């Protein structure tokens, strides 16, 4: 039964979730919030929804780019290089981004008569991004249920998986990860040096997937 809204960025994790749970996803929603890489990832979100015949919406959240502080909103040169283990990666946090996007998605779900909202956070996000952690997922789920007549719930099935685990799911599903975007710099090609690129490369390697991503 089609009972869910998926927040779909166009990155590896949410695209994998789209294919894995396509039988229950009625609607995908992406957000244009002024990040460096929005223009690169949104076309992939649209592509995969078109391919699967699933409705896709892109909702502008331009106020985030205008008022929030994050290197992700300040141009490619502001993005630090290195892994997520380094403290400087905290600069890429967009304050309460997931909370804002999930709130919109919950409103969409109730408006469409759908029961669930899905997000593709994973275990590697927890150290850097507070709104990807298990305690956030649990708390937001409770808030969504309490704040809607229908008792909309949050589903986050990748919360305790690694990105390599997700890539293994994708390999089984036949996903071509060249048709996804990760790089925070948002250039013509993936930079290969920012934390999302490093994580992408490691995940594909661990999953035994040939990395056909174009890197600078």
N, C-alpha and C. Protein backbone atom coordinates (compact mmCIF):
# COMPACT_ATOMS: atom_id res chain seq x y z
N UNK A 1 0.84 -1.20 0.00
CA UNK A 1 0.00 0.00 0.00
C UNK A 1 0.87 1.24 0.00
N UNK A 2 0.53 2.22 -0.83
CA UNK A 2 1.28 3.47 -0.89
C UNK A 2 0.86 4.35 0.29
N UNK A 3 1.71 4.43 1.30
CA UNK A 3 1.30 5.10 2.53
C UNK A 3 2.32 6.11 3.06
N UNK A 4 3.36 6.43 2.26
CA UNK A 4 4.48 7.21 2.79
C UNK A 4 4.94 8.34 1.88
N UNK A 5 5.49 9.37 2.51
CA UNK A 5 6.22 10.45 1.85
C UNK A 5 7.69 10.24 2.15
N UNK A 6 8.53 10.29 1.14
CA UNK A 6 9.98 10.19 1.32
C UNK A 6 10.63 11.54 1.06
N UNK A 7 11.49 11.95 1.98
CA UNK A 7 12.34 13.12 1.72
C UNK A 7 13.52 12.63 0.88
N UNK A 8 13.59 13.12 -0.34
CA UNK A 8 14.54 12.63 -1.35
C UNK A 8 15.48 13.75 -1.77
N UNK A 9 16.76 13.59 -1.44
CA UNK A 9 17.73 14.64 -1.79
C UNK A 9 18.30 14.45 -3.18
N UNK A 10 18.44 13.19 -3.60
CA UNK A 10 19.17 12.88 -4.82
C UNK A 10 20.54 12.31 -4.52
N UNK A 11 20.82 12.10 -3.22
CA UNK A 11 22.07 11.48 -2.80
C UNK A 11 21.95 9.97 -2.71
N UNK A 12 23.04 9.31 -2.37
CA UNK A 12 23.08 7.85 -2.33
C UNK A 12 22.04 7.25 -1.40
N UNK A 13 21.92 7.81 -0.21
CA UNK A 13 21.11 7.18 0.83
C UNK A 13 19.62 7.26 0.51
N UNK A 14 19.15 8.46 0.18
CA UNK A 14 17.71 8.60 -0.08
C UNK A 14 17.30 7.94 -1.40
N UNK A 15 18.20 7.91 -2.39
CA UNK A 15 17.88 7.21 -3.64
C UNK A 15 17.78 5.71 -3.38
N UNK A 16 18.67 5.18 -2.55
CA UNK A 16 18.58 3.77 -2.19
C UNK A 16 17.26 3.47 -1.48
N UNK A 17 16.88 4.33 -0.55
CA UNK A 17 15.62 4.14 0.16
C UNK A 17 14.44 4.20 -0.79
N UNK A 18 14.50 5.09 -1.78
CA UNK A 18 13.45 5.20 -2.78
C UNK A 18 13.23 3.86 -3.48
N UNK A 19 14.32 3.24 -3.93
CA UNK A 19 14.19 1.98 -4.66
C UNK A 19 13.82 0.83 -3.72
N UNK A 20 14.36 0.83 -2.52
CA UNK A 20 14.06 -0.27 -1.60
C UNK A 20 12.60 -0.26 -1.14
N UNK A 21 12.05 0.93 -0.99
CA UNK A 21 10.68 1.05 -0.44
C UNK A 21 9.70 1.64 -1.46
N UNK A 22 9.98 1.48 -2.72
CA UNK A 22 9.16 2.12 -3.75
C UNK A 22 7.71 1.63 -3.73
N UNK A 23 7.48 0.42 -3.23
CA UNK A 23 6.11 -0.10 -3.22
C UNK A 23 5.21 0.62 -2.22
N UNK A 24 5.82 1.33 -1.26
CA UNK A 24 5.00 2.02 -0.27
C UNK A 24 5.11 3.55 -0.37
N UNK A 25 5.98 4.05 -1.25
CA UNK A 25 6.18 5.50 -1.35
C UNK A 25 5.20 6.10 -2.36
N UNK A 26 4.34 6.96 -1.87
CA UNK A 26 3.34 7.61 -2.73
C UNK A 26 3.84 8.94 -3.28
N UNK A 27 4.75 9.57 -2.56
CA UNK A 27 5.19 10.93 -2.89
C UNK A 27 6.60 11.13 -2.39
N UNK A 28 7.44 11.77 -3.21
CA UNK A 28 8.77 12.20 -2.79
C UNK A 28 8.82 13.72 -2.77
N UNK A 29 9.51 14.25 -1.79
CA UNK A 29 9.66 15.70 -1.69
C UNK A 29 11.13 16.05 -1.52
N UNK A 30 11.58 16.99 -2.32
CA UNK A 30 12.93 17.53 -2.22
C UNK A 30 12.81 19.00 -1.82
N UNK A 31 13.90 19.54 -1.29
CA UNK A 31 13.88 20.92 -0.82
C UNK A 31 15.03 21.70 -1.42
N UNK A 32 14.71 22.85 -1.98
CA UNK A 32 15.72 23.76 -2.52
C UNK A 32 15.93 24.84 -1.47
N UNK A 33 17.00 24.67 -0.68
CA UNK A 33 17.21 25.55 0.47
C UNK A 33 18.46 26.40 0.35
N UNK A 34 19.02 26.44 -0.85
CA UNK A 34 20.16 27.32 -1.09
C UNK A 34 21.51 26.71 -0.82
N UNK A 35 21.58 25.38 -0.73
CA UNK A 35 22.88 24.75 -0.48
C UNK A 35 23.74 24.79 -1.75
N UNK A 36 25.03 24.64 -1.55
CA UNK A 36 25.96 24.67 -2.68
C UNK A 36 25.63 23.62 -3.74
N UNK A 37 25.11 22.47 -3.30
CA UNK A 37 24.94 21.34 -4.20
C UNK A 37 23.49 21.06 -4.59
N UNK A 38 22.55 21.92 -4.20
CA UNK A 38 21.15 21.71 -4.58
C UNK A 38 20.98 21.52 -6.08
N UNK A 39 21.65 22.35 -6.86
CA UNK A 39 21.47 22.32 -8.32
C UNK A 39 22.00 21.03 -8.92
N UNK A 40 22.91 20.35 -8.21
CA UNK A 40 23.47 19.10 -8.71
C UNK A 40 22.64 17.88 -8.29
N UNK A 41 22.08 17.92 -7.08
CA UNK A 41 21.40 16.73 -6.59
C UNK A 41 19.92 16.67 -6.98
N UNK A 42 19.25 17.82 -7.09
CA UNK A 42 17.82 17.80 -7.38
C UNK A 42 17.47 17.14 -8.73
N UNK A 43 18.26 17.35 -9.79
CA UNK A 43 17.93 16.65 -11.04
C UNK A 43 17.94 15.13 -10.90
N UNK A 44 18.82 14.60 -10.04
CA UNK A 44 18.83 13.16 -9.82
C UNK A 44 17.58 12.70 -9.07
N UNK A 45 17.12 13.51 -8.13
CA UNK A 45 15.88 13.17 -7.43
C UNK A 45 14.73 13.08 -8.42
N UNK A 46 14.63 14.06 -9.30
CA UNK A 46 13.57 14.05 -10.31
C UNK A 46 13.70 12.85 -11.25
N UNK A 47 14.93 12.57 -11.67
CA UNK A 47 15.19 11.47 -12.60
C UNK A 47 14.66 10.15 -12.06
N UNK A 48 15.00 9.84 -10.83
CA UNK A 48 14.62 8.54 -10.27
C UNK A 48 13.12 8.45 -10.02
N UNK A 49 12.51 9.54 -9.63
CA UNK A 49 11.05 9.52 -9.47
C UNK A 49 10.35 9.31 -10.80
N UNK A 50 10.82 9.99 -11.83
CA UNK A 50 10.25 9.80 -13.17
C UNK A 50 10.41 8.36 -13.62
N UNK A 51 11.55 7.79 -13.35
CA UNK A 51 11.84 6.42 -13.76
C UNK A 51 10.89 5.43 -13.09
N UNK A 52 10.55 5.70 -11.83
CA UNK A 52 9.70 4.79 -11.07
C UNK A 52 8.22 5.18 -11.11
N UNK A 53 7.91 6.30 -11.74
CA UNK A 53 6.52 6.74 -11.82
C UNK A 53 5.96 7.20 -10.49
N UNK A 54 6.81 7.80 -9.67
CA UNK A 54 6.39 8.30 -8.35
C UNK A 54 6.37 9.83 -8.39
N UNK A 55 5.32 10.41 -7.88
CA UNK A 55 5.19 11.87 -7.88
C UNK A 55 6.33 12.51 -7.10
N UNK A 56 6.83 13.61 -7.63
CA UNK A 56 7.95 14.32 -6.99
C UNK A 56 7.64 15.80 -6.90
N UNK A 57 7.87 16.37 -5.73
CA UNK A 57 7.72 17.81 -5.51
C UNK A 57 9.05 18.39 -5.08
N UNK A 58 9.35 19.61 -5.54
CA UNK A 58 10.47 20.37 -5.01
C UNK A 58 9.91 21.63 -4.34
N UNK A 59 10.18 21.77 -3.06
CA UNK A 59 9.64 22.89 -2.28
C UNK A 59 10.78 23.84 -1.94
N UNK A 60 10.64 25.13 -2.25
CA UNK A 60 11.69 26.10 -1.93
C UNK A 60 11.69 26.47 -0.45
N UNK A 61 12.87 26.48 0.12
CA UNK A 61 13.06 26.94 1.50
C UNK A 61 14.18 27.98 1.49
N UNK A 62 13.99 29.00 0.67
CA UNK A 62 15.07 29.97 0.45
C UNK A 62 15.45 30.74 1.71
N UNK A 63 14.54 30.82 2.67
CA UNK A 63 14.85 31.55 3.91
C UNK A 63 16.03 30.93 4.64
N UNK A 64 16.24 29.62 4.48
CA UNK A 64 17.36 28.97 5.16
C UNK A 64 18.69 29.49 4.62
N UNK A 65 18.80 29.58 3.29
CA UNK A 65 20.01 30.11 2.70
C UNK A 65 20.24 31.57 3.03
N UNK A 66 19.15 32.28 3.30
CA UNK A 66 19.24 33.71 3.57
C UNK A 66 19.61 34.02 5.01
N UNK A 67 19.09 33.21 5.95
CA UNK A 67 19.20 33.56 7.36
C UNK A 67 20.05 32.61 8.19
N UNK A 68 20.28 31.39 7.72
CA UNK A 68 20.99 30.40 8.54
C UNK A 68 22.49 30.46 8.26
N UNK A 69 23.28 30.07 9.26
CA UNK A 69 24.73 30.05 9.14
C UNK A 69 25.22 28.62 8.95
N UNK A 70 25.90 28.38 7.84
CA UNK A 70 26.49 27.07 7.56
C UNK A 70 27.40 27.21 6.36
N UNK A 71 28.54 26.52 6.38
CA UNK A 71 29.42 26.55 5.20
C UNK A 71 28.73 25.92 3.99
N UNK A 72 27.73 25.10 4.22
CA UNK A 72 27.00 24.47 3.13
C UNK A 72 26.18 25.49 2.34
N UNK A 73 26.01 26.67 2.92
CA UNK A 73 25.21 27.73 2.29
C UNK A 73 26.07 28.90 1.83
N UNK A 74 27.39 28.75 1.89
CA UNK A 74 28.28 29.89 1.69
C UNK A 74 29.23 29.74 0.50
N UNK A 75 28.97 28.81 -0.39
CA UNK A 75 29.83 28.64 -1.56
C UNK A 75 30.84 27.52 -1.37
N UNK A 76 31.36 27.03 -2.48
CA UNK A 76 32.22 25.85 -2.45
C UNK A 76 33.50 26.05 -1.66
N UNK A 77 34.04 27.27 -1.68
CA UNK A 77 35.32 27.51 -1.01
C UNK A 77 35.19 27.42 0.50
N UNK A 78 33.97 27.54 1.02
CA UNK A 78 33.76 27.49 2.47
C UNK A 78 33.74 26.06 2.99
N UNK A 79 33.61 25.06 2.10
CA UNK A 79 33.50 23.67 2.53
C UNK A 79 34.88 23.13 2.91
N UNK A 80 35.05 22.64 4.15
CA UNK A 80 36.34 22.08 4.55
C UNK A 80 36.58 20.73 3.88
N UNK A 81 37.83 20.35 3.82
CA UNK A 81 38.19 19.06 3.27
C UNK A 81 38.61 18.14 4.39
N UNK A 82 38.49 16.83 4.18
CA UNK A 82 38.82 15.87 5.21
C UNK A 82 37.64 14.98 5.51
N UNK A 83 37.75 14.20 6.57
CA UNK A 83 36.70 13.24 6.93
C UNK A 83 35.76 13.83 7.97
N UNK A 84 34.67 13.11 8.23
CA UNK A 84 33.71 13.55 9.24
C UNK A 84 34.28 13.47 10.64
N UNK A 85 35.44 12.84 10.80
CA UNK A 85 36.05 12.72 12.12
C UNK A 85 36.66 14.03 12.60
N UNK A 86 36.84 14.98 11.71
CA UNK A 86 37.49 16.24 12.08
C UNK A 86 36.46 17.26 12.54
N UNK A 87 36.84 18.08 13.51
CA UNK A 87 35.92 19.05 14.11
C UNK A 87 35.42 20.08 13.10
N UNK A 88 36.23 20.38 12.08
CA UNK A 88 35.80 21.43 11.15
C UNK A 88 34.57 21.05 10.34
N UNK A 89 34.20 19.76 10.32
CA UNK A 89 33.01 19.36 9.58
C UNK A 89 31.72 19.87 10.23
N UNK A 90 31.81 20.29 11.48
CA UNK A 90 30.63 20.85 12.12
C UNK A 90 30.15 22.11 11.40
N UNK A 91 31.04 22.74 10.65
CA UNK A 91 30.66 23.95 9.92
C UNK A 91 29.62 23.67 8.85
N UNK A 92 29.50 22.38 8.42
CA UNK A 92 28.55 22.04 7.36
C UNK A 92 27.14 21.80 7.89
N UNK A 93 26.97 21.82 9.20
CA UNK A 93 25.64 21.63 9.77
C UNK A 93 24.75 22.82 9.41
N UNK A 94 23.59 22.55 8.85
CA UNK A 94 22.56 23.57 8.63
C UNK A 94 21.59 23.42 9.80
N UNK A 95 21.54 24.42 10.71
CA UNK A 95 20.82 24.24 11.96
C UNK A 95 19.38 23.75 11.78
N UNK A 96 19.08 22.60 12.39
CA UNK A 96 17.75 21.98 12.44
C UNK A 96 17.16 21.75 11.05
N UNK A 97 18.01 21.54 10.07
CA UNK A 97 17.55 21.33 8.70
C UNK A 97 16.54 20.18 8.61
N UNK A 98 16.90 19.04 9.19
CA UNK A 98 15.99 17.90 9.09
C UNK A 98 14.68 18.16 9.82
N UNK A 99 14.75 18.85 10.95
CA UNK A 99 13.53 19.17 11.67
C UNK A 99 12.57 20.00 10.84
N UNK A 100 13.12 20.97 10.13
CA UNK A 100 12.29 21.85 9.28
C UNK A 100 11.71 21.06 8.11
N UNK A 101 12.55 20.29 7.44
CA UNK A 101 12.08 19.53 6.28
C UNK A 101 11.07 18.46 6.69
N UNK A 102 11.33 17.81 7.79
CA UNK A 102 10.39 16.78 8.26
C UNK A 102 9.05 17.39 8.63
N UNK A 103 9.05 18.58 9.20
CA UNK A 103 7.79 19.23 9.55
C UNK A 103 6.94 19.48 8.31
N UNK A 104 7.59 19.95 7.25
CA UNK A 104 6.87 20.16 5.99
C UNK A 104 6.35 18.83 5.45
N UNK A 105 7.19 17.79 5.51
CA UNK A 105 6.80 16.49 4.99
C UNK A 105 5.64 15.89 5.78
N UNK A 106 5.62 16.10 7.09
CA UNK A 106 4.51 15.62 7.91
C UNK A 106 3.22 16.31 7.51
N UNK A 107 3.28 17.63 7.27
CA UNK A 107 2.11 18.36 6.80
C UNK A 107 1.62 17.85 5.46
N UNK A 108 2.56 17.53 4.56
CA UNK A 108 2.19 16.95 3.27
C UNK A 108 1.52 15.60 3.45
N UNK A 109 2.09 14.77 4.33
CA UNK A 109 1.54 13.44 4.55
C UNK A 109 0.10 13.52 5.03
N UNK A 110 -0.14 14.37 6.03
CA UNK A 110 -1.51 14.46 6.54
C UNK A 110 -2.44 15.05 5.48
N UNK A 111 -1.97 16.00 4.70
CA UNK A 111 -2.78 16.59 3.64
C UNK A 111 -3.15 15.57 2.57
N UNK A 112 -2.27 14.62 2.33
CA UNK A 112 -2.50 13.60 1.29
C UNK A 112 -3.14 12.32 1.84
N UNK A 113 -3.41 12.28 3.13
CA UNK A 113 -3.98 11.07 3.71
C UNK A 113 -2.98 9.94 3.83
N UNK A 114 -1.71 10.28 3.98
CA UNK A 114 -0.65 9.28 4.12
C UNK A 114 -0.24 9.14 5.58
N UNK A 115 0.29 7.99 5.94
CA UNK A 115 0.50 7.67 7.35
C UNK A 115 1.93 7.88 7.84
N UNK A 116 2.89 7.94 6.91
CA UNK A 116 4.29 7.95 7.33
C UNK A 116 5.12 8.94 6.51
N UNK A 117 6.19 9.41 7.16
CA UNK A 117 7.24 10.17 6.49
C UNK A 117 8.53 9.38 6.66
N UNK A 118 9.31 9.27 5.58
CA UNK A 118 10.56 8.51 5.61
C UNK A 118 11.75 9.43 5.40
N UNK A 119 12.82 9.17 6.16
CA UNK A 119 14.07 9.92 5.99
C UNK A 119 15.23 8.92 5.95
N UNK A 120 16.30 9.30 5.25
CA UNK A 120 17.41 8.37 5.00
C UNK A 120 18.68 8.75 5.76
N UNK A 121 18.52 9.14 7.03
CA UNK A 121 19.71 9.32 7.86
C UNK A 121 20.36 7.96 8.10
N UNK A 122 21.64 7.96 8.47
CA UNK A 122 22.33 6.70 8.74
C UNK A 122 23.34 6.87 9.85
N UNK A 123 23.93 5.75 10.28
CA UNK A 123 24.80 5.76 11.44
C UNK A 123 26.00 6.68 11.34
N UNK A 124 26.52 6.88 10.13
CA UNK A 124 27.68 7.76 9.97
C UNK A 124 27.37 9.23 10.19
N UNK A 125 26.08 9.59 10.17
CA UNK A 125 25.69 10.99 10.36
C UNK A 125 25.71 11.42 11.83
N UNK A 126 25.65 10.46 12.73
CA UNK A 126 25.31 10.78 14.12
C UNK A 126 26.31 11.71 14.80
N UNK A 127 27.60 11.52 14.51
CA UNK A 127 28.61 12.29 15.23
C UNK A 127 28.54 13.77 14.93
N UNK A 128 28.21 14.11 13.69
CA UNK A 128 28.27 15.51 13.26
C UNK A 128 26.90 16.18 13.29
N UNK A 129 25.85 15.48 12.90
CA UNK A 129 24.55 16.10 12.68
C UNK A 129 23.55 15.70 13.77
N UNK A 130 23.21 16.63 14.68
CA UNK A 130 22.30 16.29 15.78
C UNK A 130 20.94 15.82 15.31
N UNK A 131 20.45 16.36 14.18
CA UNK A 131 19.10 15.98 13.73
C UNK A 131 19.11 14.74 12.83
N UNK A 132 20.15 13.92 12.99
CA UNK A 132 20.19 12.60 12.37
C UNK A 132 20.30 11.49 13.42
N UNK A 133 20.43 11.86 14.68
CA UNK A 133 20.70 10.89 15.74
C UNK A 133 19.43 10.15 16.17
N UNK A 134 19.61 8.94 16.72
CA UNK A 134 18.44 8.15 17.13
C UNK A 134 17.51 8.87 18.08
N UNK A 135 18.06 9.64 19.01
CA UNK A 135 17.20 10.35 19.96
C UNK A 135 16.36 11.43 19.28
N UNK A 136 16.91 12.04 18.23
CA UNK A 136 16.12 13.00 17.46
C UNK A 136 15.00 12.29 16.72
N UNK A 137 15.32 11.16 16.08
CA UNK A 137 14.31 10.40 15.33
C UNK A 137 13.16 10.01 16.26
N UNK A 138 13.49 9.51 17.43
CA UNK A 138 12.45 9.10 18.38
C UNK A 138 11.61 10.29 18.83
N UNK A 139 12.27 11.39 19.14
CA UNK A 139 11.54 12.57 19.63
C UNK A 139 10.66 13.17 18.53
N UNK A 140 11.18 13.24 17.31
CA UNK A 140 10.37 13.81 16.22
C UNK A 140 9.20 12.90 15.90
N UNK A 141 9.43 11.61 15.93
CA UNK A 141 8.33 10.67 15.70
C UNK A 141 7.20 10.91 16.70
N UNK A 142 7.56 11.08 17.96
CA UNK A 142 6.55 11.34 18.98
C UNK A 142 5.82 12.66 18.74
N UNK A 143 6.57 13.69 18.33
CA UNK A 143 5.96 14.99 18.05
C UNK A 143 5.01 14.91 16.86
N UNK A 144 5.41 14.19 15.81
CA UNK A 144 4.55 14.06 14.63
C UNK A 144 3.26 13.33 14.97
N UNK A 145 3.36 12.26 15.74
CA UNK A 145 2.16 11.53 16.14
C UNK A 145 1.24 12.39 16.98
N UNK A 146 1.83 13.15 17.89
CA UNK A 146 1.01 13.97 18.79
C UNK A 146 0.41 15.18 18.09
N UNK A 147 1.08 15.65 17.02
CA UNK A 147 0.69 16.89 16.38
C UNK A 147 -0.17 16.73 15.14
N UNK A 148 -0.60 15.51 14.83
CA UNK A 148 -1.45 15.27 13.66
C UNK A 148 -2.66 14.45 14.07
N UNK A 149 -3.79 14.72 13.43
CA UNK A 149 -4.99 13.93 13.69
C UNK A 149 -4.78 12.47 13.31
N UNK A 150 -4.04 12.26 12.22
CA UNK A 150 -3.85 10.91 11.71
C UNK A 150 -2.76 10.14 12.45
N UNK A 151 -2.01 10.84 13.31
CA UNK A 151 -0.91 10.18 14.00
C UNK A 151 0.20 9.78 13.07
N UNK A 152 0.61 10.72 12.18
CA UNK A 152 1.69 10.46 11.21
C UNK A 152 2.96 10.06 11.96
N UNK A 153 3.64 9.04 11.49
CA UNK A 153 4.86 8.59 12.13
C UNK A 153 6.06 8.77 11.21
N UNK A 154 7.24 8.83 11.83
CA UNK A 154 8.51 8.96 11.11
C UNK A 154 9.17 7.59 11.02
N UNK A 155 9.51 7.19 9.80
CA UNK A 155 10.23 5.95 9.57
C UNK A 155 11.65 6.28 9.14
N UNK A 156 12.62 5.72 9.83
CA UNK A 156 14.03 5.99 9.53
C UNK A 156 14.80 4.67 9.59
N UNK A 157 14.55 3.77 8.63
CA UNK A 157 15.09 2.41 8.72
C UNK A 157 16.60 2.29 8.56
N UNK A 158 17.28 3.35 8.12
CA UNK A 158 18.72 3.28 7.96
C UNK A 158 19.48 3.87 9.16
N UNK A 159 18.79 4.24 10.21
CA UNK A 159 19.40 4.96 11.33
C UNK A 159 20.65 4.28 11.88
N UNK A 160 20.65 2.96 11.92
CA UNK A 160 21.77 2.24 12.53
C UNK A 160 22.65 1.54 11.50
N UNK A 161 22.45 1.85 10.22
CA UNK A 161 23.29 1.28 9.17
C UNK A 161 24.45 2.21 8.85
N UNK A 162 25.53 1.66 8.31
CA UNK A 162 26.61 2.48 7.78
C UNK A 162 26.30 2.81 6.32
N UNK A 163 27.05 3.75 5.77
CA UNK A 163 26.85 4.08 4.35
C UNK A 163 27.23 2.90 3.47
N UNK A 164 28.22 2.12 3.89
CA UNK A 164 28.58 0.92 3.14
C UNK A 164 27.44 -0.10 3.15
N UNK A 165 26.75 -0.23 4.30
CA UNK A 165 25.58 -1.11 4.36
C UNK A 165 24.52 -0.67 3.34
N UNK A 166 24.30 0.64 3.28
CA UNK A 166 23.30 1.18 2.34
C UNK A 166 23.73 0.91 0.90
N UNK A 167 25.01 1.08 0.62
CA UNK A 167 25.52 0.81 -0.73
C UNK A 167 25.33 -0.66 -1.09
N UNK A 168 25.47 -1.55 -0.13
CA UNK A 168 25.24 -2.97 -0.40
C UNK A 168 23.77 -3.21 -0.76
N UNK A 169 22.86 -2.53 -0.07
CA UNK A 169 21.45 -2.59 -0.45
C UNK A 169 21.29 -2.14 -1.91
N UNK A 170 21.95 -1.04 -2.23
CA UNK A 170 21.84 -0.49 -3.58
C UNK A 170 22.39 -1.41 -4.64
N UNK A 171 23.47 -2.10 -4.31
CA UNK A 171 24.04 -3.06 -5.27
C UNK A 171 23.04 -4.16 -5.57
N UNK A 172 22.36 -4.65 -4.54
CA UNK A 172 21.35 -5.70 -4.73
C UNK A 172 20.16 -5.19 -5.54
N UNK A 173 19.88 -3.89 -5.42
CA UNK A 173 18.76 -3.29 -6.14
C UNK A 173 19.13 -2.85 -7.55
N UNK A 174 20.42 -2.93 -7.89
CA UNK A 174 20.87 -2.55 -9.22
C UNK A 174 20.98 -1.06 -9.45
N UNK A 175 21.19 -0.30 -8.39
CA UNK A 175 21.28 1.16 -8.51
C UNK A 175 22.63 1.56 -9.09
N UNK A 176 22.62 2.48 -10.04
CA UNK A 176 23.84 3.08 -10.58
C UNK A 176 24.11 4.35 -9.78
N UNK A 177 25.09 4.28 -8.89
CA UNK A 177 25.34 5.42 -8.02
C UNK A 177 25.97 6.61 -8.74
N UNK A 178 26.38 6.42 -9.99
CA UNK A 178 26.81 7.58 -10.78
C UNK A 178 25.64 8.53 -11.02
N UNK A 179 24.42 8.03 -10.83
CA UNK A 179 23.21 8.84 -10.97
C UNK A 179 22.73 9.34 -9.61
N UNK A 180 23.69 9.68 -8.76
CA UNK A 180 23.41 10.32 -7.47
C UNK A 180 24.47 11.39 -7.24
N UNK A 181 24.22 12.27 -6.29
CA UNK A 181 25.18 13.33 -6.01
C UNK A 181 25.48 13.39 -4.52
N UNK A 182 26.76 13.57 -4.17
CA UNK A 182 27.17 13.68 -2.78
C UNK A 182 27.93 14.97 -2.45
N UNK A 183 28.78 15.42 -3.34
CA UNK A 183 29.77 16.47 -3.03
C UNK A 183 29.14 17.77 -2.53
N UNK A 184 29.62 18.25 -1.39
CA UNK A 184 29.11 19.48 -0.79
C UNK A 184 29.56 20.73 -1.53
N UNK A 185 30.59 20.62 -2.35
CA UNK A 185 31.07 21.81 -3.05
C UNK A 185 30.18 22.17 -4.24
N UNK A 186 29.54 21.17 -4.83
CA UNK A 186 28.58 21.44 -5.88
C UNK A 186 29.16 21.90 -7.20
N UNK A 187 30.37 21.46 -7.50
CA UNK A 187 31.00 21.82 -8.77
C UNK A 187 30.51 20.96 -9.92
N UNK A 188 31.19 21.06 -11.05
CA UNK A 188 30.79 20.28 -12.23
C UNK A 188 30.94 18.79 -11.96
N UNK A 189 32.01 18.42 -11.24
CA UNK A 189 32.24 17.03 -10.84
C UNK A 189 32.43 16.98 -9.33
N UNK A 190 32.33 15.79 -8.75
CA UNK A 190 32.63 15.61 -7.34
C UNK A 190 34.09 16.02 -7.08
N UNK A 191 34.31 16.71 -5.97
CA UNK A 191 35.68 17.19 -5.70
C UNK A 191 36.60 16.05 -5.27
N UNK A 192 36.03 15.03 -4.61
CA UNK A 192 36.83 13.89 -4.15
C UNK A 192 37.55 14.11 -2.85
N UNK A 193 37.43 15.32 -2.24
CA UNK A 193 38.21 15.65 -1.06
C UNK A 193 37.37 16.07 0.16
N UNK A 194 36.13 16.53 -0.06
CA UNK A 194 35.30 16.91 1.08
C UNK A 194 34.80 15.63 1.76
N UNK A 195 34.25 15.77 2.96
CA UNK A 195 33.88 14.60 3.75
C UNK A 195 32.84 13.73 3.05
N UNK A 196 31.89 14.35 2.35
CA UNK A 196 30.88 13.54 1.68
C UNK A 196 31.49 12.73 0.54
N UNK A 197 32.45 13.31 -0.15
CA UNK A 197 33.14 12.57 -1.21
C UNK A 197 33.98 11.43 -0.62
N UNK A 198 34.70 11.72 0.47
CA UNK A 198 35.52 10.69 1.12
C UNK A 198 34.64 9.54 1.58
N UNK A 199 33.52 9.88 2.22
CA UNK A 199 32.59 8.87 2.71
C UNK A 199 32.01 8.05 1.55
N UNK A 200 31.66 8.73 0.47
CA UNK A 200 31.11 8.05 -0.72
C UNK A 200 32.11 7.03 -1.27
N UNK A 201 33.34 7.45 -1.44
CA UNK A 201 34.37 6.57 -2.00
C UNK A 201 34.58 5.35 -1.11
N UNK A 202 34.66 5.58 0.19
CA UNK A 202 34.89 4.48 1.13
C UNK A 202 33.71 3.51 1.13
N UNK A 203 32.49 4.05 1.08
CA UNK A 203 31.31 3.19 1.11
C UNK A 203 31.24 2.30 -0.12
N UNK A 204 31.49 2.87 -1.29
CA UNK A 204 31.45 2.09 -2.52
C UNK A 204 32.54 1.04 -2.54
N UNK A 205 33.71 1.41 -2.02
CA UNK A 205 34.82 0.45 -1.96
C UNK A 205 34.47 -0.72 -1.04
N UNK A 206 33.95 -0.40 0.15
CA UNK A 206 33.60 -1.45 1.12
C UNK A 206 32.48 -2.35 0.60
N UNK A 207 31.59 -1.77 -0.20
CA UNK A 207 30.46 -2.53 -0.74
C UNK A 207 30.83 -3.33 -1.99
N UNK A 208 32.07 -3.15 -2.46
CA UNK A 208 32.51 -3.89 -3.64
C UNK A 208 31.90 -3.38 -4.93
N UNK A 209 31.61 -2.07 -4.98
CA UNK A 209 30.99 -1.46 -6.16
C UNK A 209 32.03 -0.64 -6.91
N UNK A 210 32.14 -0.84 -8.20
CA UNK A 210 33.03 -0.01 -9.02
C UNK A 210 32.55 1.44 -8.95
N UNK A 211 33.44 2.32 -8.58
CA UNK A 211 33.08 3.74 -8.44
C UNK A 211 33.28 4.44 -9.77
N UNK A 212 32.17 4.71 -10.45
CA UNK A 212 32.24 5.38 -11.76
C UNK A 212 31.97 6.88 -11.62
N UNK A 213 31.96 7.38 -10.39
CA UNK A 213 31.78 8.81 -10.15
C UNK A 213 32.90 9.59 -10.81
N UNK A 214 32.58 10.72 -11.42
CA UNK A 214 33.60 11.60 -11.98
C UNK A 214 34.10 12.54 -10.89
N UNK A 215 35.37 12.42 -10.56
CA UNK A 215 36.00 13.28 -9.55
C UNK A 215 36.97 14.25 -10.22
N UNK A 216 37.13 15.43 -9.64
CA UNK A 216 38.11 16.39 -10.15
C UNK A 216 39.53 15.86 -9.94
